Structures are given as C-alpha cells and as structure tokens.
mmCIF file of all heavy atoms, coordinates in Angstrom:
data_MODEL
# 
_entry.id   MODEL 
# 
loop_
_atom_site.group_PDB 
_atom_site.id 
_atom_site.type_symbol 
_atom_site.label_atom_id 
_atom_site.label_alt_id 
_atom_site.label_comp_id 
_atom_site.label_asym_id 
_atom_site.label_entity_id 
_atom_site.label_seq_id 
_atom_site.pdbx_PDB_ins_code 
_atom_site.Cartn_x 
_atom_site.Cartn_y 
_atom_site.Cartn_z 
_atom_site.occupancy 
_atom_site.B_iso_or_equiv 
_atom_site.pdbx_formal_charge 
_atom_site.auth_seq_id 
_atom_site.auth_comp_id 
_atom_site.auth_asym_id 
_atom_site.auth_atom_id 
_atom_site.pdbx_PDB_model_num 
ATOM 1   N N   . ARG A 1 1  ? 0.803  -1.210 0.000  1.00 0.00 ? 1  ARG A N   1 
ATOM 2   C CA  . ARG A 1 1  ? 0.000  0.000  0.000  1.00 0.00 ? 1  ARG A CA  1 
ATOM 3   C C   . ARG A 1 1  ? 0.844  1.271  0.000  1.00 0.00 ? 1  ARG A C   1 
ATOM 4   O O   . ARG A 1 1  ? 0.438  2.292  -0.535 1.00 0.00 ? 1  ARG A O   1 
ATOM 5   C CB  . ARG A 1 1  ? -0.913 -0.012 1.221  1.00 0.00 ? 1  ARG A CB  1 
ATOM 6   C CG  . ARG A 1 1  ? -1.972 1.070  1.192  1.00 0.00 ? 1  ARG A CG  1 
ATOM 7   C CD  . ARG A 1 1  ? -2.835 0.953  2.381  1.00 0.00 ? 1  ARG A CD  1 
ATOM 8   N NE  . ARG A 1 1  ? -2.032 1.296  3.571  1.00 0.00 ? 1  ARG A NE  1 
ATOM 9   C CZ  . ARG A 1 1  ? -2.543 1.667  4.725  1.00 0.00 ? 1  ARG A CZ  1 
ATOM 10  N NH1 . ARG A 1 1  ? -3.828 1.695  4.884  1.00 0.00 ? 1  ARG A NH1 1 
ATOM 11  N NH2 . ARG A 1 1  ? -1.774 1.959  5.724  1.00 0.00 ? 1  ARG A NH2 1 
ATOM 12  N N   . GLU A 1 2  ? 2.018  1.231  0.596  1.00 0.00 ? 2  GLU A N   1 
ATOM 13  C CA  . GLU A 1 2  ? 2.787  2.454  0.786  1.00 0.00 ? 2  GLU A CA  1 
ATOM 14  C C   . GLU A 1 2  ? 4.037  2.445  -0.093 1.00 0.00 ? 2  GLU A C   1 
ATOM 15  O O   . GLU A 1 2  ? 4.986  1.707  0.162  1.00 0.00 ? 2  GLU A O   1 
ATOM 16  C CB  . GLU A 1 2  ? 3.200  2.569  2.254  1.00 0.00 ? 2  GLU A CB  1 
ATOM 17  C CG  . GLU A 1 2  ? 3.896  3.840  2.618  1.00 0.00 ? 2  GLU A CG  1 
ATOM 18  C CD  . GLU A 1 2  ? 3.048  5.075  2.362  1.00 0.00 ? 2  GLU A CD  1 
ATOM 19  O OE1 . GLU A 1 2  ? 1.883  5.127  2.809  1.00 0.00 ? 2  GLU A OE1 1 
ATOM 20  O OE2 . GLU A 1 2  ? 3.546  5.976  1.696  1.00 0.00 ? 2  GLU A OE2 1 
ATOM 21  N N   . PRO A 1 3  ? 4.084  3.249  -1.147 1.00 0.00 ? 3  PRO A N   1 
ATOM 22  C CA  . PRO A 1 3  ? 5.255  3.281  -2.034 1.00 0.00 ? 3  PRO A CA  1 
ATOM 23  C C   . PRO A 1 3  ? 6.482  3.903  -1.372 1.00 0.00 ? 3  PRO A C   1 
ATOM 24  O O   . PRO A 1 3  ? 7.591  3.672  -1.828 1.00 0.00 ? 3  PRO A O   1 
ATOM 25  C CB  . PRO A 1 3  ? 4.791  4.120  -3.227 1.00 0.00 ? 3  PRO A CB  1 
ATOM 26  C CG  . PRO A 1 3  ? 3.633  4.904  -2.743 1.00 0.00 ? 3  PRO A CG  1 
ATOM 27  C CD  . PRO A 1 3  ? 3.012  4.120  -1.613 1.00 0.00 ? 3  PRO A CD  1 
ATOM 28  N N   . ARG A 1 4  ? 6.291  4.665  -0.281 1.00 0.00 ? 4  ARG A N   1 
ATOM 29  C CA  . ARG A 1 4  ? 7.456  5.275  0.389  1.00 0.00 ? 4  ARG A CA  1 
ATOM 30  C C   . ARG A 1 4  ? 8.411  4.225  0.957  1.00 0.00 ? 4  ARG A C   1 
ATOM 31  O O   . ARG A 1 4  ? 9.570  4.518  1.199  1.00 0.00 ? 4  ARG A O   1 
ATOM 32  C CB  . ARG A 1 4  ? 6.995  6.176  1.535  1.00 0.00 ? 4  ARG A CB  1 
ATOM 33  C CG  . ARG A 1 4  ? 6.299  7.434  1.103  1.00 0.00 ? 4  ARG A CG  1 
ATOM 34  C CD  . ARG A 1 4  ? 6.008  8.318  2.309  1.00 0.00 ? 4  ARG A CD  1 
ATOM 35  N NE  . ARG A 1 4  ? 5.293  7.604  3.368  1.00 0.00 ? 4  ARG A NE  1 
ATOM 36  C CZ  . ARG A 1 4  ? 5.456  7.833  4.661  1.00 0.00 ? 4  ARG A CZ  1 
ATOM 37  N NH1 . ARG A 1 4  ? 6.288  8.762  5.066  1.00 0.00 ? 4  ARG A NH1 1 
ATOM 38  N NH2 . ARG A 1 4  ? 4.773  7.162  5.549  1.00 0.00 ? 4  ARG A NH2 1 
ATOM 39  N N   . LEU A 1 5  ? 7.912  3.011  1.218  1.00 0.00 ? 5  LEU A N   1 
ATOM 40  C CA  . LEU A 1 5  ? 8.771  1.992  1.826  1.00 0.00 ? 5  LEU A CA  1 
ATOM 41  C C   . LEU A 1 5  ? 9.899  1.551  0.898  1.00 0.00 ? 5  LEU A C   1 
ATOM 42  O O   . LEU A 1 5  ? 10.864 0.940  1.343  1.00 0.00 ? 5  LEU A O   1 
ATOM 43  C CB  . LEU A 1 5  ? 7.942  0.776  2.252  1.00 0.00 ? 5  LEU A CB  1 
ATOM 44  C CG  . LEU A 1 5  ? 7.034  1.030  3.448  1.00 0.00 ? 5  LEU A CG  1 
ATOM 45  C CD1 . LEU A 1 5  ? 6.209  -0.195 3.754  1.00 0.00 ? 5  LEU A CD1 1 
ATOM 46  C CD2 . LEU A 1 5  ? 7.839  1.433  4.663  1.00 0.00 ? 5  LEU A CD2 1 
ATOM 47  N N   . SER A 1 6  ? 9.794  1.841  -0.388 1.00 0.00 ? 6  SER A N   1 
ATOM 48  C CA  . SER A 1 6  ? 10.895 1.518  -1.287 1.00 0.00 ? 6  SER A CA  1 
ATOM 49  C C   . SER A 1 6  ? 12.043 2.500  -1.117 1.00 0.00 ? 6  SER A C   1 
ATOM 50  O O   . SER A 1 6  ? 13.147 2.241  -1.548 1.00 0.00 ? 6  SER A O   1 
ATOM 51  C CB  . SER A 1 6  ? 10.420 1.509  -2.741 1.00 0.00 ? 6  SER A CB  1 
ATOM 52  O OG  . SER A 1 6  ? 9.941  2.803  -3.081 1.00 0.00 ? 6  SER A OG  1 
ATOM 53  N N   . ASP A 1 7  ? 11.782 3.641  -0.471 1.00 0.00 ? 7  ASP A N   1 
ATOM 54  C CA  . ASP A 1 7  ? 12.824 4.621  -0.210 1.00 0.00 ? 7  ASP A CA  1 
ATOM 55  C C   . ASP A 1 7  ? 13.340 4.404  1.215  1.00 0.00 ? 7  ASP A C   1 
ATOM 56  O O   . ASP A 1 7  ? 12.616 4.634  2.183  1.00 0.00 ? 7  ASP A O   1 
ATOM 57  C CB  . ASP A 1 7  ? 12.233 6.032  -0.350 1.00 0.00 ? 7  ASP A CB  1 
ATOM 58  C CG  . ASP A 1 7  ? 13.279 7.117  -0.087 1.00 0.00 ? 7  ASP A CG  1 
ATOM 59  O OD1 . ASP A 1 7  ? 14.483 6.782  -0.042 1.00 0.00 ? 7  ASP A OD1 1 
ATOM 60  O OD2 . ASP A 1 7  ? 12.872 8.274  0.059  1.00 0.00 ? 7  ASP A OD2 1 
ATOM 61  N N   . PRO A 1 8  ? 14.605 3.962  1.385  1.00 0.00 ? 8  PRO A N   1 
ATOM 62  C CA  . PRO A 1 8  ? 15.123 3.702  2.731  1.00 0.00 ? 8  PRO A CA  1 
ATOM 63  C C   . PRO A 1 8  ? 15.156 4.932  3.621  1.00 0.00 ? 8  PRO A C   1 
ATOM 64  O O   . PRO A 1 8  ? 15.057 4.829  4.833  1.00 0.00 ? 8  PRO A O   1 
ATOM 65  C CB  . PRO A 1 8  ? 16.542 3.188  2.492  1.00 0.00 ? 8  PRO A CB  1 
ATOM 66  C CG  . PRO A 1 8  ? 16.608 2.809  1.056  1.00 0.00 ? 8  PRO A CG  1 
ATOM 67  C CD  . PRO A 1 8  ? 15.558 3.614  0.340  1.00 0.00 ? 8  PRO A CD  1 
ATOM 68  N N   . ALA A 1 9  ? 15.270 6.119  3.053  1.00 0.00 ? 9  ALA A N   1 
ATOM 69  C CA  . ALA A 1 9  ? 15.331 7.338  3.859  1.00 0.00 ? 9  ALA A CA  1 
ATOM 70  C C   . ALA A 1 9  ? 13.966 7.705  4.425  1.00 0.00 ? 9  ALA A C   1 
ATOM 71  O O   . ALA A 1 9  ? 13.873 8.435  5.404  1.00 0.00 ? 9  ALA A O   1 
ATOM 72  C CB  . ALA A 1 9  ? 15.867 8.495  3.013  1.00 0.00 ? 9  ALA A CB  1 
ATOM 73  N N   . ALA A 1 10 ? 12.890 7.217  3.817  1.00 0.00 ? 10 ALA A N   1 
ATOM 74  C CA  . ALA A 1 10 ? 11.549 7.587  4.250  1.00 0.00 ? 10 ALA A CA  1 
ATOM 75  C C   . ALA A 1 10 ? 11.156 6.896  5.544  1.00 0.00 ? 10 ALA A C   1 
ATOM 76  O O   . ALA A 1 10 ? 10.365 7.404  6.318  1.00 0.00 ? 10 ALA A O   1 
ATOM 77  C CB  . ALA A 1 10 ? 10.531 7.269  3.158  1.00 0.00 ? 10 ALA A CB  1 
ATOM 78  N N   . GLY A 1 11 ? 11.651 5.707  5.826  1.00 0.00 ? 11 GLY A N   1 
ATOM 79  C CA  . GLY A 1 11 ? 11.340 5.008  7.063  1.00 0.00 ? 11 GLY A CA  1 
ATOM 80  C C   . GLY A 1 11 ? 10.048 4.220  6.977  1.00 0.00 ? 11 GLY A C   1 
ATOM 81  O O   . GLY A 1 11 ? 9.513  3.966  5.904  1.00 0.00 ? 11 GLY A O   1 
ATOM 82  N N   . LEU A 1 12 ? 9.504  3.868  8.120  1.00 0.00 ? 12 LEU A N   1 
ATOM 83  C CA  . LEU A 1 12 ? 8.304  3.040  8.208  1.00 0.00 ? 12 LEU A CA  1 
ATOM 84  C C   . LEU A 1 12 ? 7.049  3.914  8.288  1.00 0.00 ? 12 LEU A C   1 
ATOM 85  O O   . LEU A 1 12 ? 7.080  5.031  8.789  1.00 0.00 ? 12 LEU A O   1 
ATOM 86  C CB  . LEU A 1 12 ? 8.377  2.144  9.444  1.00 0.00 ? 12 LEU A CB  1 
ATOM 87  C CG  . LEU A 1 12 ? 9.563  1.178  9.505  1.00 0.00 ? 12 LEU A CG  1 
ATOM 88  C CD1 . LEU A 1 12 ? 9.544  0.428  10.822 1.00 0.00 ? 12 LEU A CD1 1 
ATOM 89  C CD2 . LEU A 1 12 ? 9.551  0.204  8.349  1.00 0.00 ? 12 LEU A CD2 1 
ATOM 90  N N   . THR A 1 13 ? 5.935  3.346  7.852  1.00 0.00 ? 13 THR A N   1 
ATOM 91  C CA  . THR A 1 13 ? 4.654  4.062  7.919  1.00 0.00 ? 13 THR A CA  1 
ATOM 92  C C   . THR A 1 13 ? 4.096  3.986  9.332  1.00 0.00 ? 13 THR A C   1 
ATOM 93  O O   . THR A 1 13 ? 4.524  3.162  10.142 1.00 0.00 ? 13 THR A O   1 
ATOM 94  C CB  . THR A 1 13 ? 3.638  3.447  6.952  1.00 0.00 ? 13 THR A CB  1 
ATOM 95  O OG1 . THR A 1 13 ? 3.363  2.118  7.385  1.00 0.00 ? 13 THR A OG1 1 
ATOM 96  C CG2 . THR A 1 13 ? 4.144  3.445  5.527  1.00 0.00 ? 13 THR A CG2 1 
ATOM 97  N N   . ASP A 1 14 ? 3.117  4.834  9.606  1.00 0.00 ? 14 ASP A N   1 
ATOM 98  C CA  . ASP A 1 14 ? 2.490  4.828  10.928 1.00 0.00 ? 14 ASP A CA  1 
ATOM 99  C C   . ASP A 1 14 ? 1.815  3.496  11.206 1.00 0.00 ? 14 ASP A C   1 
ATOM 100 O O   . ASP A 1 14 ? 1.877  2.974  12.319 1.00 0.00 ? 14 ASP A O   1 
ATOM 101 C CB  . ASP A 1 14 ? 1.470  5.971  11.029 1.00 0.00 ? 14 ASP A CB  1 
ATOM 102 C CG  . ASP A 1 14 ? 2.147  7.335  11.011 1.00 0.00 ? 14 ASP A CG  1 
ATOM 103 O OD1 . ASP A 1 14 ? 3.336  7.399  11.361 1.00 0.00 ? 14 ASP A OD1 1 
ATOM 104 O OD2 . ASP A 1 14 ? 1.459  8.321  10.661 1.00 0.00 ? 14 ASP A OD2 1 
ATOM 105 N N   . GLY A 1 15 ? 1.128  2.949  10.210 1.00 0.00 ? 15 GLY A N   1 
ATOM 106 C CA  . GLY A 1 15 ? 0.462  1.657  10.389 1.00 0.00 ? 15 GLY A CA  1 
ATOM 107 C C   . GLY A 1 15 ? 1.454  0.543  10.684 1.00 0.00 ? 15 GLY A C   1 
ATOM 108 O O   . GLY A 1 15 ? 1.213  -0.322 11.528 1.00 0.00 ? 15 GLY A O   1 
ATOM 109 N N   . LEU A 1 16 ? 2.585  0.570  10.009 1.00 0.00 ? 16 LEU A N   1 
ATOM 110 C CA  . LEU A 1 16 ? 3.603  -0.453 10.237 1.00 0.00 ? 16 LEU A CA  1 
ATOM 111 C C   . LEU A 1 16 ? 4.225  -0.276 11.622 1.00 0.00 ? 16 LEU A C   1 
ATOM 112 O O   . LEU A 1 16 ? 4.455  -1.256 12.334 1.00 0.00 ? 16 LEU A O   1 
ATOM 113 C CB  . LEU A 1 16 ? 4.669  -0.359 9.146  1.00 0.00 ? 16 LEU A CB  1 
ATOM 114 C CG  . LEU A 1 16 ? 5.651  -1.513 9.052  1.00 0.00 ? 16 LEU A CG  1 
ATOM 115 C CD1 . LEU A 1 16 ? 4.919  -2.841 8.907  1.00 0.00 ? 16 LEU A CD1 1 
ATOM 116 C CD2 . LEU A 1 16 ? 6.587  -1.305 7.874  1.00 0.00 ? 16 LEU A CD2 1 
ATOM 117 N N   . TYR A 1 17 ? 4.474  0.975  12.023 1.00 0.00 ? 17 TYR A N   1 
ATOM 118 C CA  . TYR A 1 17 ? 4.972  1.227  13.373 1.00 0.00 ? 17 TYR A CA  1 
ATOM 119 C C   . TYR A 1 17 ? 3.995  0.708  14.417 1.00 0.00 ? 17 TYR A C   1 
ATOM 120 O O   . TYR A 1 17 ? 4.400  0.060  15.386 1.00 0.00 ? 17 TYR A O   1 
ATOM 121 C CB  . TYR A 1 17 ? 5.194  2.725  13.612 1.00 0.00 ? 17 TYR A CB  1 
ATOM 122 C CG  . TYR A 1 17 ? 6.597  3.188  13.352 1.00 0.00 ? 17 TYR A CG  1 
ATOM 123 C CD1 . TYR A 1 17 ? 6.824  4.258  12.504 1.00 0.00 ? 17 TYR A CD1 1 
ATOM 124 C CD2 . TYR A 1 17 ? 7.684  2.587  13.961 1.00 0.00 ? 17 TYR A CD2 1 
ATOM 125 C CE1 . TYR A 1 17 ? 8.110  4.706  12.264 1.00 0.00 ? 17 TYR A CE1 1 
ATOM 126 C CE2 . TYR A 1 17 ? 8.963  3.016  13.729 1.00 0.00 ? 17 TYR A CE2 1 
ATOM 127 C CZ  . TYR A 1 17 ? 9.178  4.076  12.876 1.00 0.00 ? 17 TYR A CZ  1 
ATOM 128 O OH  . TYR A 1 17 ? 10.441 4.516  12.638 1.00 0.00 ? 17 TYR A OH  1 
ATOM 129 N N   . ARG A 1 18 ? 2.705  0.989  14.241 1.00 0.00 ? 18 ARG A N   1 
ATOM 130 C CA  . ARG A 1 18 ? 1.713  0.510  15.209 1.00 0.00 ? 18 ARG A CA  1 
ATOM 131 C C   . ARG A 1 18 ? 1.724  -1.012 15.289 1.00 0.00 ? 18 ARG A C   1 
ATOM 132 O O   . ARG A 1 18 ? 1.648  -1.583 16.374 1.00 0.00 ? 18 ARG A O   1 
ATOM 133 C CB  . ARG A 1 18 ? 0.319  1.020  14.821 1.00 0.00 ? 18 ARG A CB  1 
ATOM 134 C CG  . ARG A 1 18 ? 0.041  2.442  15.259 1.00 0.00 ? 18 ARG A CG  1 
ATOM 135 C CD  . ARG A 1 18 ? -1.442 2.792  15.139 1.00 0.00 ? 18 ARG A CD  1 
ATOM 136 N NE  . ARG A 1 18 ? -1.978 2.566  13.800 1.00 0.00 ? 18 ARG A NE  1 
ATOM 137 C CZ  . ARG A 1 18 ? -1.895 3.436  12.792 1.00 0.00 ? 18 ARG A CZ  1 
ATOM 138 N NH1 . ARG A 1 18 ? -1.294 4.594  12.979 1.00 0.00 ? 18 ARG A NH1 1 
ATOM 139 N NH2 . ARG A 1 18 ? -2.418 3.159  11.614 1.00 0.00 ? 18 ARG A NH2 1 
ATOM 140 N N   . GLU A 1 19 ? 1.799  -1.681 14.151 1.00 0.00 ? 19 GLU A N   1 
ATOM 141 C CA  . GLU A 1 19 ? 1.764  -3.145 14.137 1.00 0.00 ? 19 GLU A CA  1 
ATOM 142 C C   . GLU A 1 19 ? 3.010  -3.735 14.785 1.00 0.00 ? 19 GLU A C   1 
ATOM 143 O O   . GLU A 1 19 ? 2.940  -4.686 15.555 1.00 0.00 ? 19 GLU A O   1 
ATOM 144 C CB  . GLU A 1 19 ? 1.610  -3.659 12.697 1.00 0.00 ? 19 GLU A CB  1 
ATOM 145 C CG  . GLU A 1 19 ? 1.330  -5.130 12.610 1.00 0.00 ? 19 GLU A CG  1 
ATOM 146 C CD  . GLU A 1 19 ? 0.037  -5.536 13.284 1.00 0.00 ? 19 GLU A CD  1 
ATOM 147 O OE1 . GLU A 1 19 ? -0.907 -4.742 13.345 1.00 0.00 ? 19 GLU A OE1 1 
ATOM 148 O OE2 . GLU A 1 19 ? -0.010 -6.679 13.778 1.00 0.00 ? 19 GLU A OE2 1 
ATOM 149 N N   . VAL A 1 20 ? 4.158  -3.166 14.483 1.00 0.00 ? 20 VAL A N   1 
ATOM 150 C CA  . VAL A 1 20 ? 5.401  -3.645 15.099 1.00 0.00 ? 20 VAL A CA  1 
ATOM 151 C C   . VAL A 1 20 ? 5.362  -3.417 16.605 1.00 0.00 ? 20 VAL A C   1 
ATOM 152 O O   . VAL A 1 20 ? 5.718  -4.309 17.390 1.00 0.00 ? 20 VAL A O   1 
ATOM 153 C CB  . VAL A 1 20 ? 6.626  -2.955 14.455 1.00 0.00 ? 20 VAL A CB  1 
ATOM 154 C CG1 . VAL A 1 20 ? 7.895  -3.232 15.255 1.00 0.00 ? 20 VAL A CG1 1 
ATOM 155 C CG2 . VAL A 1 20 ? 6.802  -3.421 13.025 1.00 0.00 ? 20 VAL A CG2 1 
ATOM 156 N N   . ASN A 1 21 ? 4.900  -2.252 17.042 1.00 0.00 ? 21 ASN A N   1 
ATOM 157 C CA  . ASN A 1 21 ? 4.801  -1.979 18.473 1.00 0.00 ? 21 ASN A CA  1 
ATOM 158 C C   . ASN A 1 21 ? 3.807  -2.910 19.149 1.00 0.00 ? 21 ASN A C   1 
ATOM 159 O O   . ASN A 1 21 ? 4.052  -3.401 20.254 1.00 0.00 ? 21 ASN A O   1 
ATOM 160 C CB  . ASN A 1 21 ? 4.397  -0.518 18.711 1.00 0.00 ? 21 ASN A CB  1 
ATOM 161 C CG  . ASN A 1 21 ? 5.523  0.439  18.397 1.00 0.00 ? 21 ASN A CG  1 
ATOM 162 O OD1 . ASN A 1 21 ? 6.679  0.031  18.344 1.00 0.00 ? 21 ASN A OD1 1 
ATOM 163 N ND2 . ASN A 1 21 ? 5.190  1.698  18.185 1.00 0.00 ? 21 ASN A ND2 1 
ATOM 164 N N   . ARG A 1 22 ? 2.675  -3.183 18.511 1.00 0.00 ? 22 ARG A N   1 
ATOM 165 C CA  . ARG A 1 22 ? 1.691  -4.102 19.082 1.00 0.00 ? 22 ARG A CA  1 
ATOM 166 C C   . ARG A 1 22 ? 2.285  -5.499 19.204 1.00 0.00 ? 22 ARG A C   1 
ATOM 167 O O   . ARG A 1 22 ? 2.127  -6.180 20.211 1.00 0.00 ? 22 ARG A O   1 
ATOM 168 C CB  . ARG A 1 22 ? 0.433  -4.144 18.217 1.00 0.00 ? 22 ARG A CB  1 
ATOM 169 C CG  . ARG A 1 22 ? -0.715 -4.924 18.874 1.00 0.00 ? 22 ARG A CG  1 
ATOM 170 C CD  . ARG A 1 22 ? -1.826 -5.242 17.903 1.00 0.00 ? 22 ARG A CD  1 
ATOM 171 N NE  . ARG A 1 22 ? -1.380 -6.055 16.778 1.00 0.00 ? 22 ARG A NE  1 
ATOM 172 C CZ  . ARG A 1 22 ? -1.083 -7.371 16.866 1.00 0.00 ? 22 ARG A CZ  1 
ATOM 173 N NH1 . ARG A 1 22 ? -1.161 -7.981 18.016 1.00 0.00 ? 22 ARG A NH1 1 
ATOM 174 N NH2 . ARG A 1 22 ? -0.703 -8.032 15.809 1.00 0.00 ? 22 ARG A NH2 1 
ATOM 175 N N   . ALA A 1 23 ? 3.021  -5.938 18.187 1.00 0.00 ? 23 ALA A N   1 
ATOM 176 C CA  . ALA A 1 23 ? 3.625  -7.276 18.209 1.00 0.00 ? 23 ALA A CA  1 
ATOM 177 C C   . ALA A 1 23 ? 4.693  -7.367 19.289 1.00 0.00 ? 23 ALA A C   1 
ATOM 178 O O   . ALA A 1 23 ? 4.767  -8.369 20.006 1.00 0.00 ? 23 ALA A O   1 
ATOM 179 C CB  . ALA A 1 23 ? 4.220  -7.598 16.847 1.00 0.00 ? 23 ALA A CB  1 
ATOM 180 N N   . ARG A 1 24 ? 5.495  -6.331 19.438 1.00 0.00 ? 24 ARG A N   1 
ATOM 181 C CA  . ARG A 1 24 ? 6.524  -6.353 20.477 1.00 0.00 ? 24 ARG A CA  1 
ATOM 182 C C   . ARG A 1 24 ? 5.890  -6.375 21.859 1.00 0.00 ? 24 ARG A C   1 
ATOM 183 O O   . ARG A 1 24 ? 6.378  -7.038 22.764 1.00 0.00 ? 24 ARG A O   1 
ATOM 184 C CB  . ARG A 1 24 ? 7.443  -5.154 20.322 1.00 0.00 ? 24 ARG A CB  1 
ATOM 185 C CG  . ARG A 1 24 ? 8.309  -5.259 19.077 1.00 0.00 ? 24 ARG A CG  1 
ATOM 186 C CD  . ARG A 1 24 ? 9.159  -4.050 18.883 1.00 0.00 ? 24 ARG A CD  1 
ATOM 187 N NE  . ARG A 1 24 ? 10.281 -4.097 19.814 1.00 0.00 ? 24 ARG A NE  1 
ATOM 188 C CZ  . ARG A 1 24 ? 11.064 -3.060 20.056 1.00 0.00 ? 24 ARG A CZ  1 
ATOM 189 N NH1 . ARG A 1 24 ? 10.840 -1.912 19.453 1.00 0.00 ? 24 ARG A NH1 1 
ATOM 190 N NH2 . ARG A 1 24 ? 12.067 -3.174 20.886 1.00 0.00 ? 24 ARG A NH2 1 
ATOM 191 N N   . GLY A 1 25 ? 4.800  -5.655 22.030 1.00 0.00 ? 25 GLY A N   1 
ATOM 192 C CA  . GLY A 1 25 ? 4.089  -5.671 23.311 1.00 0.00 ? 25 GLY A CA  1 
ATOM 193 C C   . GLY A 1 25 ? 3.470  -7.024 23.585 1.00 0.00 ? 25 GLY A C   1 
ATOM 194 O O   . GLY A 1 25 ? 3.425  -7.486 24.721 1.00 0.00 ? 25 GLY A O   1 
# 
C-alpha cells in the first residue's frame, strides 16, 4: 500500500509502526 517503503530514507509508515509496536508488546 505504501510506495514510500521503497525509499530507505523515508522510514516506516504509521500503520507499520503501530503493528510492530503491538507485536513487540
């Protein structure tokens, strides 16, 4: 869904951050 992820400088999307944080928790 997010084309910015192909750019390493752009970083992760908010949705991906939320999912990673939820999984780590």
